[in-house]
């Protein structure tokens, strides 16, 4: 009885082994066929590209307004800088800019160090420091240097939607104390609508090119198997619009926003039958 049972179990084991081996061989064959089919498809395909360009007028201007204040104590530097920056923000709001369009981008307080045998006229207060040169932050290299004051630098980025107010805002900001104005740029608040127009142009051009290529070469286009897109959009930037601030109002500059180019490139990949 035991011999028959052992023989039966042995036969079951052999049968199971054959089934497993057969299953593995079947799936291995399927994978080889699939890979071969994919490779054949990749060998018989074409790629064409198209471009779309749309020119649009910007609807938003961005500008950085800054205040630098320097004094012998932290309290005085902070007080002076804060008062001037608050005045700048109030002036900008008074000219119609919403609070949501004003964002603080920098607030930096650093010590001012002395260096022997130099004479400095402070750019902020016009006060003469004898036998000293201003060196701030990590510029200090000599242990004999001493802290002679503190400098506070603040910047806000302002988003201006009414272009007729740009010159007036820049002029008023310098009038009330902004002594750093820069990074003026024009941009489109929602460029997606123009990207869509450019995309339609690019796809149409790519399809026309594929049809022409097939007609002239005698090949037959199969199904579209892939699409690739790249886009380019660059705001206009004016990096060096500056004012020194003071009690006398600066003349309002004339700013021209120009237009923006929205560019889309599309690549279509077709199978070849």
Protein backbone atom coordinates (compact mmCIF):
# COMPACT_ATOMS: atom_id res chain seq x y z
CA UNK A 1 0.00 0.00 0.00
CA UNK A 2 2.77 2.37 0.91
CA UNK A 3 4.56 1.59 -2.38
CA UNK A 4 1.42 2.47 -4.40
CA UNK A 5 0.97 5.74 -2.48
CA UNK A 6 4.60 6.74 -3.06
CA UNK A 7 4.30 5.94 -6.76
CA UNK A 8 1.08 7.99 -7.03
CA UNK A 9 2.65 10.99 -5.30
CA UNK A 10 5.69 10.71 -7.55
CA UNK A 11 3.47 10.74 -10.64
CA UNK A 12 1.60 13.82 -9.30
CA UNK A 13 4.89 15.61 -8.69
CA UNK A 14 6.12 14.83 -12.21
CA UNK A 15 2.81 16.02 -13.72
CA UNK A 16 2.90 19.26 -11.70
CA UNK A 17 6.50 19.88 -12.77
CA UNK A 18 5.59 19.41 -16.41
CA UNK A 19 2.63 21.80 -16.08
CA UNK A 20 4.77 24.48 -14.39
CA UNK A 21 7.51 24.12 -16.99
CA UNK A 22 4.96 24.33 -19.79
CA UNK A 23 3.34 27.42 -18.29
CA UNK A 24 6.69 29.15 -17.90
CA UNK A 25 7.64 28.27 -21.46
CA UNK A 26 4.31 29.65 -22.74
CA UNK A 27 4.70 33.01 -20.96
CA UNK A 28 8.34 33.28 -22.00
CA UNK A 29 7.31 32.76 -25.60
CA UNK A 30 4.58 35.38 -25.29
CA UNK A 31 7.07 37.91 -23.92
CA UNK A 32 9.50 37.23 -26.76
CA UNK A 33 6.74 37.66 -29.34
CA UNK A 34 5.54 40.88 -27.73
CA UNK A 35 9.05 42.33 -27.58
CA UNK A 36 9.61 41.35 -31.19
CA UNK A 37 6.33 42.99 -32.19
CA UNK A 38 7.23 46.19 -30.30
CA UNK A 39 10.65 46.30 -31.91
CA UNK A 40 9.08 45.88 -35.34
CA UNK A 41 6.66 48.71 -34.61
CA UNK A 42 9.50 50.94 -33.48
CA UNK A 43 11.39 50.18 -36.69
CA UNK A 44 8.41 51.30 -38.80
CA UNK A 45 7.36 54.69 -37.49
CA UNK A 46 7.91 58.35 -38.37
CA UNK A 47 8.00 61.50 -36.29
CA UNK A 48 6.96 64.94 -37.55
CA UNK A 49 6.94 68.29 -35.78
CA UNK A 50 5.00 71.53 -36.03
CA UNK A 51 5.25 74.99 -34.49
CA UNK A 52 2.68 77.47 -33.31
CA UNK A 53 3.25 81.11 -32.36
CA UNK A 54 0.82 83.59 -30.85
CA UNK A 55 1.59 87.21 -30.02
CA UNK A 56 -0.33 88.73 -27.14
CA UNK A 57 -0.27 91.95 -25.19
CA UNK A 58 0.77 91.54 -21.54
CA UNK A 59 -1.83 92.43 -18.94
CA UNK A 60 0.29 92.54 -15.78
CA UNK A 61 3.41 94.49 -14.81
CA UNK A 62 5.64 93.27 -11.96
CA UNK A 63 8.11 95.56 -10.23
CA UNK A 64 10.27 95.32 -7.12
CA UNK A 65 10.21 98.32 -4.77
CA UNK A 66 12.89 98.42 -2.09
CA UNK A 67 13.97 100.49 0.88
CA UNK A 68 17.46 100.50 2.39
CA UNK A 69 17.92 102.20 5.75
CA UNK A 70 21.13 102.48 7.78
CA UNK A 71 21.72 103.71 11.30
CA UNK A 72 24.03 103.25 14.29
CA UNK A 73 21.52 101.08 16.17
CA UNK A 74 19.21 98.23 15.25
CA UNK A 75 16.23 100.12 16.64
CA UNK A 76 16.88 103.23 14.54
CA UNK A 77 17.59 101.27 11.34
CA UNK A 78 14.45 99.18 11.84
CA UNK A 79 12.30 102.21 12.67
CA UNK A 80 13.49 104.24 9.68
CA UNK A 81 13.24 101.36 7.22
CA UNK A 82 9.82 100.25 8.45
CA UNK A 83 8.38 103.75 8.29
CA UNK A 84 9.63 104.26 4.74
CA UNK A 85 8.41 100.87 3.53
CA UNK A 86 4.99 101.41 5.11
CA UNK A 87 4.83 104.76 3.34
CA UNK A 88 5.68 103.10 0.03
CA UNK A 89 3.02 100.41 0.49
CA UNK A 90 0.38 103.00 1.50
CA UNK A 91 1.25 105.10 -1.54
CA UNK A 92 0.94 102.11 -3.87
CA UNK A 93 -2.41 101.13 -2.37
CA UNK A 94 -3.55 104.73 -2.71
CA UNK A 95 -2.95 104.49 -6.45
CA UNK A 96 -5.32 101.55 -6.84
CA UNK A 97 -3.14 98.46 -6.28
CA UNK A 98 -4.95 95.74 -4.29
CA UNK A 99 -3.33 94.40 -1.13
CA UNK A 100 -3.30 90.88 -2.63
CA UNK A 101 -1.00 92.21 -5.39
CA UNK A 102 1.68 93.38 -2.94
CA UNK A 103 4.07 90.72 -1.61
CA UNK A 104 7.11 91.08 0.65
CA UNK A 105 10.05 89.31 -1.02
CA UNK A 106 12.98 90.36 1.19
CA UNK A 107 13.59 91.55 4.76
CA UNK A 108 17.27 91.59 5.71
CA UNK A 109 18.97 93.23 8.70
CA UNK A 110 22.78 93.09 8.77
CA UNK A 111 25.63 94.77 10.70
CA UNK A 112 27.91 97.38 9.13
CA UNK A 113 31.63 96.97 9.90
CA UNK A 114 34.47 99.49 9.95
CA UNK A 115 37.84 99.26 8.26
CA UNK A 116 40.80 101.45 9.35
CA UNK A 117 42.23 104.40 7.41
CA UNK A 118 39.19 105.10 5.24
CA UNK A 119 36.61 107.89 5.01
CA UNK A 120 33.04 107.06 4.06
CA UNK A 121 30.04 109.20 3.18
CA UNK A 122 26.92 107.21 3.97
CA UNK A 123 24.72 106.78 0.85
CA UNK A 124 21.62 106.97 3.02
CA UNK A 125 22.22 109.82 5.49
CA UNK A 126 25.17 111.65 3.83
CA UNK A 127 26.86 111.53 7.25
CA UNK A 128 30.68 111.29 7.15
CA UNK A 129 32.31 108.39 9.00
CA UNK A 130 36.00 109.17 9.45
CA UNK A 131 38.57 106.39 9.36
CA UNK A 132 36.04 103.78 8.35
CA UNK A 133 34.63 101.97 5.33
CA UNK A 134 31.35 100.15 5.36
CA UNK A 135 31.66 96.38 5.09
CA UNK A 136 28.51 94.37 5.65
CA UNK A 137 27.67 90.79 6.55
CA UNK A 138 30.26 88.13 5.72
CA UNK A 139 32.67 90.68 4.17
CA UNK A 140 34.39 91.19 7.54
CA UNK A 141 37.84 89.58 7.41
CA UNK A 142 39.88 91.50 10.02
CA UNK A 143 39.39 90.94 13.75
CA UNK A 144 40.13 94.65 14.35
CA UNK A 145 36.96 95.68 12.50
CA UNK A 146 34.08 96.89 14.64
CA UNK A 147 30.36 97.18 14.14
CA UNK A 148 29.57 100.84 13.42
CA UNK A 149 25.92 100.46 12.46
CA UNK A 150 23.17 98.34 11.00
CA UNK A 151 21.50 98.19 7.59
CA UNK A 152 17.93 97.09 6.91
CA UNK A 153 16.93 96.10 3.36
CA UNK A 154 13.29 95.47 2.47
CA UNK A 155 11.68 94.65 -0.88
CA UNK A 156 8.12 94.16 -2.03
CA UNK A 157 6.95 92.89 -5.40
CA UNK A 158 4.02 94.86 -6.76
CA UNK A 159 1.67 93.55 -9.42
CA UNK A 160 0.25 96.41 -11.48
CA UNK A 161 -2.81 95.68 -13.61
CA UNK A 162 -3.59 99.23 -14.74
CA UNK A 163 -0.73 100.13 -17.08
CA UNK A 164 -1.70 103.79 -17.06
CA UNK A 165 -0.60 103.88 -13.41
CA UNK A 166 2.88 102.36 -13.85
CA UNK A 167 4.81 105.61 -14.22
CA UNK A 168 2.86 107.28 -11.43
CA UNK A 169 3.44 104.35 -9.05
CA UNK A 170 7.20 104.33 -9.69
CA UNK A 171 7.40 108.10 -9.27
CA UNK A 172 5.34 108.11 -6.06
CA UNK A 173 7.33 105.21 -4.59
CA UNK A 174 10.60 107.11 -4.97
CA UNK A 175 8.99 110.25 -3.61
CA UNK A 176 8.00 108.63 -0.33
CA UNK A 177 11.29 106.79 0.24
CA UNK A 178 11.91 103.83 -2.07
CA UNK A 179 15.58 103.87 -3.08
CA UNK A 180 15.68 100.51 -4.89
CA UNK A 181 13.40 99.98 -7.88
CA UNK A 182 14.10 97.20 -10.35
CA UNK A 183 13.16 93.91 -12.02
CA UNK A 184 10.32 95.53 -13.94
CA UNK A 185 8.72 92.95 -16.20
CA UNK A 186 5.56 92.54 -18.22
CA UNK A 187 3.75 89.24 -18.27
CA UNK A 188 0.44 87.59 -19.12
CA UNK A 189 -1.60 86.67 -16.07
CA UNK A 190 -3.20 83.66 -17.79
CA UNK A 191 -1.02 82.50 -20.72
CA UNK A 192 -2.86 79.15 -21.10
CA UNK A 193 -5.48 80.60 -23.45
CA UNK A 194 -2.72 81.73 -25.82
CA UNK A 195 -0.83 78.45 -25.43
CA UNK A 196 -3.96 76.64 -26.56
CA UNK A 197 -4.14 78.76 -29.72
CA UNK A 198 -0.46 78.08 -30.44
CA UNK A 199 -0.97 74.36 -29.75
CA UNK A 200 -3.79 74.13 -32.31
CA UNK A 201 -1.53 75.76 -34.91
CA UNK A 202 1.37 73.41 -34.10
CA UNK A 203 -0.74 70.23 -34.31
CA UNK A 204 -2.31 71.32 -37.61
CA UNK A 205 1.12 72.04 -39.07
CA UNK A 206 2.51 68.68 -37.89
CA UNK A 207 -0.46 66.75 -39.37
CA UNK A 208 -0.12 68.56 -42.69
CA UNK A 209 3.58 67.74 -42.74
CA UNK A 210 2.89 64.05 -42.00
CA UNK A 211 0.29 63.81 -44.78
CA UNK A 212 2.62 65.52 -47.25
CA UNK A 213 5.50 63.25 -46.28
CA UNK A 214 3.36 60.14 -46.72
CA UNK A 215 2.02 61.34 -50.07
CA UNK A 216 5.42 62.21 -51.51
CA UNK A 217 7.23 59.11 -50.22
CA UNK A 218 4.49 56.58 -50.88
CA UNK A 219 4.24 55.29 -47.32
CA UNK A 220 0.95 54.77 -45.52
CA UNK A 221 0.39 56.33 -42.14
CA UNK A 222 -0.82 54.09 -39.35
CA UNK A 223 -2.27 55.17 -36.04
CA UNK A 224 -0.88 58.05 -34.01
CA UNK A 225 1.08 56.45 -31.17
CA UNK A 226 2.67 59.40 -29.32
CA UNK A 227 2.61 63.17 -28.90
CA UNK A 228 5.35 65.38 -27.43
CA UNK A 229 5.06 69.05 -26.56
CA UNK A 230 7.49 71.79 -25.61
CA UNK A 231 6.64 75.42 -25.04
CA UNK A 232 8.39 78.73 -24.59
CA UNK A 233 7.10 81.91 -23.04
CA UNK A 234 9.36 84.77 -21.95
CA UNK A 235 8.14 87.94 -20.20
CA UNK A 236 9.72 91.26 -21.13
CA UNK A 237 12.11 92.38 -18.39
CA UNK A 238 13.69 95.72 -17.58
CA UNK A 239 16.31 94.94 -14.95
CA UNK A 240 17.65 98.37 -14.08
CA UNK A 241 14.79 100.76 -13.38
CA UNK A 242 16.00 102.50 -10.22
CA UNK A 243 15.33 105.53 -8.04
CA UNK A 244 17.21 106.97 -5.09
CA UNK A 245 14.23 108.26 -3.13
CA UNK A 246 14.05 111.57 -1.34
CA UNK A 247 11.80 114.50 -0.70
CA UNK A 248 11.57 115.68 -4.31
CA UNK A 249 9.14 113.78 -6.55
CA UNK A 250 10.79 111.97 -9.45
CA UNK A 251 9.47 112.46 -12.97
CA UNK A 252 7.07 109.69 -13.97
CA UNK A 253 8.79 107.47 -16.57
CA UNK A 254 7.06 106.36 -19.77
CA UNK A 255 6.97 102.55 -19.91
CA UNK A 256 6.10 100.54 -23.03
CA UNK A 257 4.84 96.96 -22.42
CA UNK A 258 5.24 95.75 -26.02
CA UNK A 259 3.95 92.24 -26.75
CA UNK A 260 4.78 88.68 -25.75
CA UNK A 261 5.48 85.64 -27.93
CA UNK A 262 3.88 82.38 -26.84
CA UNK A 263 5.51 79.43 -28.65
CA UNK A 264 4.49 75.77 -28.77
CA UNK A 265 6.30 72.90 -30.53
CA UNK A 266 4.47 69.61 -31.13
CA UNK A 267 5.95 66.28 -32.29
CA UNK A 268 3.60 63.55 -33.57
CA UNK A 269 4.75 59.93 -33.88
CA UNK A 270 2.90 57.68 -36.35
CA UNK A 271 3.16 54.00 -37.11
CA UNK A 272 3.91 53.15 -40.74
CA UNK A 273 1.78 50.43 -42.34
